[in-house]
Amino acid sequence: MESLQEELLEVHVEDTKGADQTGWILSEDYDELTNTYLNDHILRLLPSFDPYMLGHAENSVDARYYKRVYRNAGWISPVVLLNERVGNPWEITVTE
């Protein structure tokens, strides 16, 4: 870090739990990083038993959806994932 001191820029960002975090980036990367679309909402549809849901995402599930996501007999429902927060399960309905 000391050898790069003149090339580094201190940044403050909010982590996924809303806590302020301090980090460092290369000064030359600042413009490119601030012009990205990282603040846009990211929506994903995860299938049943998606690896993301097999453990570490458990804390991201809203309490009102928990029993609908992690069902009896070890079933894990397909879910909507918005900005790393697990929402309501989704399903496909075929109509004729």
N, C-alpha and C. Protein backbone atom coordinates (compact mmCIF):
# COMPACT_ATOMS: atom_id res chain seq x y z
N MET A 1 0.83 -1.19 0.00
CA MET A 1 0.00 0.00 0.00
C MET A 1 0.88 1.25 0.00
N GLU A 2 1.95 1.21 0.76
CA GLU A 2 2.81 2.40 0.84
C GLU A 2 3.41 2.75 -0.52
N SER A 3 3.81 1.75 -1.28
CA SER A 3 4.43 2.02 -2.58
C SER A 3 3.42 2.59 -3.58
N LEU A 4 2.12 2.37 -3.36
CA LEU A 4 1.08 2.88 -4.26
C LEU A 4 0.38 4.12 -3.71
N GLN A 5 0.80 4.62 -2.57
CA GLN A 5 0.13 5.71 -1.87
C GLN A 5 -0.30 6.85 -2.79
N GLU A 6 0.56 7.28 -3.68
CA GLU A 6 0.26 8.42 -4.56
C GLU A 6 -0.73 8.06 -5.66
N GLU A 7 -0.91 6.79 -5.92
CA GLU A 7 -1.82 6.35 -6.99
C GLU A 7 -3.19 5.95 -6.47
N LEU A 8 -3.38 5.93 -5.14
CA LEU A 8 -4.62 5.44 -4.55
C LEU A 8 -5.57 6.57 -4.18
N LEU A 9 -6.85 6.25 -4.23
CA LEU A 9 -7.89 7.18 -3.85
C LEU A 9 -8.80 6.47 -2.85
N GLU A 10 -9.03 7.10 -1.70
CA GLU A 10 -9.91 6.52 -0.69
C GLU A 10 -11.36 6.71 -1.12
N VAL A 11 -12.16 5.64 -1.00
CA VAL A 11 -13.58 5.71 -1.36
C VAL A 11 -14.42 5.17 -0.20
N HIS A 12 -15.64 5.68 -0.12
CA HIS A 12 -16.59 5.22 0.89
C HIS A 12 -17.80 4.66 0.16
N VAL A 13 -18.15 3.43 0.49
CA VAL A 13 -19.29 2.76 -0.14
C VAL A 13 -20.17 2.13 0.92
N GLU A 14 -21.41 1.88 0.55
CA GLU A 14 -22.35 1.22 1.46
C GLU A 14 -22.38 -0.26 1.12
N ASP A 15 -22.21 -1.12 2.13
CA ASP A 15 -22.26 -2.55 1.88
C ASP A 15 -23.72 -3.01 1.79
N THR A 16 -23.93 -4.30 1.57
CA THR A 16 -25.29 -4.83 1.36
C THR A 16 -26.17 -4.69 2.59
N LYS A 17 -25.59 -4.46 3.76
CA LYS A 17 -26.38 -4.28 4.98
C LYS A 17 -26.54 -2.81 5.34
N GLY A 18 -26.08 -1.91 4.46
CA GLY A 18 -26.24 -0.49 4.68
C GLY A 18 -25.15 0.17 5.50
N ALA A 19 -24.12 -0.57 5.86
CA ALA A 19 -23.03 0.00 6.66
C ALA A 19 -22.01 0.67 5.74
N ASP A 20 -21.46 1.79 6.18
CA ASP A 20 -20.46 2.51 5.41
C ASP A 20 -19.12 1.79 5.51
N GLN A 21 -18.50 1.56 4.38
CA GLN A 21 -17.20 0.88 4.32
C GLN A 21 -16.20 1.78 3.61
N THR A 22 -14.97 1.73 4.04
CA THR A 22 -13.89 2.49 3.40
C THR A 22 -13.02 1.53 2.61
N GLY A 23 -12.63 1.95 1.42
CA GLY A 23 -11.77 1.13 0.59
C GLY A 23 -10.85 2.01 -0.23
N TRP A 24 -10.09 1.40 -1.10
CA TRP A 24 -9.13 2.12 -1.93
C TRP A 24 -9.25 1.65 -3.37
N ILE A 25 -9.13 2.58 -4.29
CA ILE A 25 -9.09 2.26 -5.71
C ILE A 25 -7.93 3.02 -6.33
N LEU A 26 -7.51 2.60 -7.51
CA LEU A 26 -6.51 3.36 -8.24
C LEU A 26 -7.16 4.65 -8.75
N SER A 27 -6.50 5.76 -8.58
CA SER A 27 -7.05 7.05 -9.01
C SER A 27 -7.43 7.03 -10.48
N GLU A 28 -6.64 6.34 -11.29
CA GLU A 28 -6.92 6.29 -12.73
C GLU A 28 -8.22 5.55 -13.06
N ASP A 29 -8.74 4.74 -12.13
CA ASP A 29 -9.98 4.00 -12.36
C ASP A 29 -11.23 4.76 -11.92
N TYR A 30 -11.06 5.89 -11.25
CA TYR A 30 -12.19 6.61 -10.66
C TYR A 30 -13.27 6.97 -11.69
N ASP A 31 -12.89 7.60 -12.79
CA ASP A 31 -13.87 8.03 -13.79
C ASP A 31 -14.66 6.86 -14.36
N GLU A 32 -13.96 5.78 -14.68
CA GLU A 32 -14.64 4.62 -15.24
C GLU A 32 -15.62 4.00 -14.24
N LEU A 33 -15.22 3.91 -12.98
CA LEU A 33 -16.09 3.32 -11.96
C LEU A 33 -17.30 4.19 -11.65
N THR A 34 -17.14 5.49 -11.65
CA THR A 34 -18.28 6.37 -11.35
C THR A 34 -19.23 6.50 -12.53
N ASN A 35 -18.81 6.11 -13.71
CA ASN A 35 -19.70 6.16 -14.88
C ASN A 35 -20.37 4.84 -15.18
N THR A 36 -20.22 3.85 -14.30
CA THR A 36 -20.87 2.56 -14.51
C THR A 36 -22.29 2.62 -13.99
N TYR A 37 -23.05 1.58 -14.22
CA TYR A 37 -24.44 1.52 -13.81
C TYR A 37 -24.62 0.60 -12.61
N LEU A 38 -23.70 0.68 -11.66
CA LEU A 38 -23.79 -0.18 -10.49
C LEU A 38 -24.96 0.15 -9.59
N ASN A 39 -25.51 1.35 -9.73
CA ASN A 39 -26.65 1.74 -8.90
C ASN A 39 -27.98 1.27 -9.48
N ASP A 40 -27.97 0.73 -10.70
CA ASP A 40 -29.20 0.22 -11.28
C ASP A 40 -29.66 -1.01 -10.52
N HIS A 41 -30.96 -1.24 -10.55
CA HIS A 41 -31.49 -2.44 -9.91
C HIS A 41 -31.14 -3.65 -10.75
N ILE A 42 -30.78 -4.74 -10.10
CA ILE A 42 -30.44 -5.97 -10.79
C ILE A 42 -31.47 -7.03 -10.39
N LEU A 43 -32.22 -7.51 -11.35
CA LEU A 43 -33.28 -8.49 -11.12
C LEU A 43 -32.88 -9.81 -11.77
N ARG A 44 -33.00 -10.89 -10.99
CA ARG A 44 -32.70 -12.22 -11.50
C ARG A 44 -33.80 -13.17 -11.08
N LEU A 45 -34.05 -14.18 -11.90
CA LEU A 45 -34.94 -15.27 -11.54
C LEU A 45 -34.07 -16.50 -11.31
N LEU A 46 -34.03 -16.98 -10.08
CA LEU A 46 -33.22 -18.16 -9.76
C LEU A 46 -34.10 -19.40 -9.81
N PRO A 47 -33.59 -20.51 -10.36
CA PRO A 47 -34.37 -21.75 -10.42
C PRO A 47 -34.38 -22.47 -9.07
N SER A 48 -35.16 -23.51 -8.98
CA SER A 48 -35.17 -24.35 -7.78
C SER A 48 -33.76 -24.85 -7.51
N PHE A 49 -33.41 -24.93 -6.24
CA PHE A 49 -32.11 -25.47 -5.80
C PHE A 49 -30.91 -24.74 -6.40
N ASP A 50 -31.07 -23.46 -6.73
CA ASP A 50 -29.93 -22.71 -7.25
C ASP A 50 -28.82 -22.69 -6.19
N PRO A 51 -27.56 -22.87 -6.59
CA PRO A 51 -26.46 -22.89 -5.61
C PRO A 51 -26.42 -21.66 -4.71
N TYR A 52 -26.84 -20.51 -5.21
CA TYR A 52 -26.87 -19.29 -4.39
C TYR A 52 -27.75 -19.47 -3.16
N MET A 53 -28.81 -20.26 -3.32
CA MET A 53 -29.79 -20.43 -2.24
C MET A 53 -29.44 -21.58 -1.29
N LEU A 54 -28.37 -22.33 -1.59
CA LEU A 54 -28.05 -23.50 -0.80
C LEU A 54 -27.28 -23.21 0.49
N GLY A 55 -27.39 -22.03 1.00
CA GLY A 55 -26.73 -21.77 2.29
C GLY A 55 -26.48 -20.32 2.58
N HIS A 56 -25.63 -19.69 1.80
CA HIS A 56 -25.20 -18.35 2.18
C HIS A 56 -26.25 -17.27 1.92
N ALA A 57 -27.29 -17.54 1.16
CA ALA A 57 -28.31 -16.53 0.88
C ALA A 57 -29.43 -16.54 1.92
N GLU A 58 -29.36 -17.48 2.86
CA GLU A 58 -30.44 -17.65 3.83
C GLU A 58 -30.77 -16.35 4.56
N ASN A 59 -29.76 -15.55 4.87
CA ASN A 59 -29.99 -14.29 5.57
C ASN A 59 -30.60 -13.22 4.68
N SER A 60 -30.61 -13.45 3.37
CA SER A 60 -31.16 -12.48 2.43
C SER A 60 -32.65 -12.68 2.17
N VAL A 61 -33.23 -13.71 2.78
CA VAL A 61 -34.64 -14.02 2.56
C VAL A 61 -35.49 -13.23 3.55
N ASP A 62 -36.43 -12.46 3.03
CA ASP A 62 -37.37 -11.73 3.87
C ASP A 62 -38.17 -12.74 4.70
N ALA A 63 -38.38 -12.46 5.96
CA ALA A 63 -39.06 -13.39 6.88
C ALA A 63 -40.42 -13.83 6.36
N ARG A 64 -41.14 -12.94 5.68
CA ARG A 64 -42.49 -13.31 5.21
C ARG A 64 -42.45 -14.34 4.09
N TYR A 65 -41.29 -14.52 3.40
CA TYR A 65 -41.17 -15.49 2.32
C TYR A 65 -40.41 -16.75 2.72
N TYR A 66 -39.82 -16.75 3.90
CA TYR A 66 -38.88 -17.82 4.28
C TYR A 66 -39.47 -19.22 4.11
N LYS A 67 -40.66 -19.46 4.66
CA LYS A 67 -41.25 -20.81 4.58
C LYS A 67 -41.72 -21.17 3.19
N ARG A 68 -41.92 -20.17 2.33
CA ARG A 68 -42.30 -20.45 0.95
C ARG A 68 -41.07 -20.72 0.09
N VAL A 69 -39.91 -20.23 0.52
CA VAL A 69 -38.66 -20.47 -0.20
C VAL A 69 -38.03 -21.78 0.25
N TYR A 70 -37.83 -21.93 1.56
CA TYR A 70 -37.24 -23.16 2.13
C TYR A 70 -38.39 -24.02 2.65
N ARG A 71 -38.87 -24.93 1.78
CA ARG A 71 -40.05 -25.72 2.09
C ARG A 71 -39.69 -27.03 2.78
N ASN A 72 -40.74 -27.76 3.17
CA ASN A 72 -40.56 -29.07 3.83
C ASN A 72 -39.75 -30.02 2.95
N ALA A 73 -39.13 -30.98 3.59
CA ALA A 73 -38.37 -32.04 2.93
C ALA A 73 -37.18 -31.51 2.13
N GLY A 74 -36.68 -30.32 2.49
CA GLY A 74 -35.49 -29.78 1.84
C GLY A 74 -35.70 -29.13 0.49
N TRP A 75 -36.93 -28.89 0.10
CA TRP A 75 -37.19 -28.25 -1.18
C TRP A 75 -36.85 -26.78 -1.10
N ILE A 76 -36.19 -26.27 -2.14
CA ILE A 76 -35.89 -24.85 -2.25
C ILE A 76 -36.58 -24.33 -3.51
N SER A 77 -37.48 -23.39 -3.32
CA SER A 77 -38.28 -22.86 -4.42
C SER A 77 -37.46 -21.96 -5.34
N PRO A 78 -37.90 -21.82 -6.60
CA PRO A 78 -37.30 -20.81 -7.47
C PRO A 78 -37.71 -19.44 -6.93
N VAL A 79 -36.81 -18.47 -6.95
CA VAL A 79 -37.11 -17.18 -6.34
C VAL A 79 -36.71 -16.01 -7.23
N VAL A 80 -37.32 -14.87 -6.94
CA VAL A 80 -36.94 -13.60 -7.53
C VAL A 80 -35.83 -13.02 -6.66
N LEU A 81 -34.75 -12.58 -7.29
CA LEU A 81 -33.63 -11.97 -6.57
C LEU A 81 -33.48 -10.55 -7.08
N LEU A 82 -33.70 -9.57 -6.21
CA LEU A 82 -33.58 -8.16 -6.58
C LEU A 82 -32.51 -7.53 -5.70
N ASN A 83 -31.43 -7.08 -6.33
CA ASN A 83 -30.32 -6.46 -5.61
C ASN A 83 -29.84 -7.33 -4.45
N GLU A 84 -29.67 -8.60 -4.72
CA GLU A 84 -29.17 -9.58 -3.75
C GLU A 84 -30.12 -9.86 -2.60
N ARG A 85 -31.36 -9.40 -2.68
CA ARG A 85 -32.37 -9.70 -1.67
C ARG A 85 -33.36 -10.69 -2.28
N VAL A 86 -33.64 -11.76 -1.56
CA VAL A 86 -34.54 -12.80 -2.05
C VAL A 86 -35.97 -12.37 -1.82
N GLY A 87 -36.76 -12.43 -2.87
CA GLY A 87 -38.17 -12.08 -2.77
C GLY A 87 -39.06 -13.30 -2.86
N ASN A 88 -40.24 -13.08 -3.30
CA ASN A 88 -41.25 -14.11 -3.39
C ASN A 88 -40.84 -15.20 -4.39
N PRO A 89 -41.18 -16.46 -4.12
CA PRO A 89 -40.96 -17.51 -5.12
C PRO A 89 -41.75 -17.22 -6.41
N TRP A 90 -41.26 -17.71 -7.52
CA TRP A 90 -41.95 -17.54 -8.79
C TRP A 90 -42.26 -18.91 -9.36
N GLU A 91 -43.21 -18.94 -10.28
CA GLU A 91 -43.57 -20.18 -10.97
C GLU A 91 -44.07 -19.85 -12.36
N ILE A 92 -44.01 -20.84 -13.20
CA ILE A 92 -44.52 -20.70 -14.58
C ILE A 92 -45.89 -21.36 -14.64
N THR A 93 -46.84 -20.64 -15.20
CA THR A 93 -48.17 -21.18 -15.38
C THR A 93 -48.45 -21.26 -16.88
N VAL A 94 -48.75 -22.46 -17.36
CA VAL A 94 -49.02 -22.64 -18.77
C VAL A 94 -50.54 -22.58 -18.96
N THR A 95 -50.95 -21.70 -19.86
CA THR A 95 -52.38 -21.60 -20.19
C THR A 95 -52.57 -21.92 -21.66
N GLU A 96 -53.69 -22.47 -21.96
CA GLU A 96 -53.96 -22.82 -23.35
C GLU A 96 -55.03 -21.97 -23.92
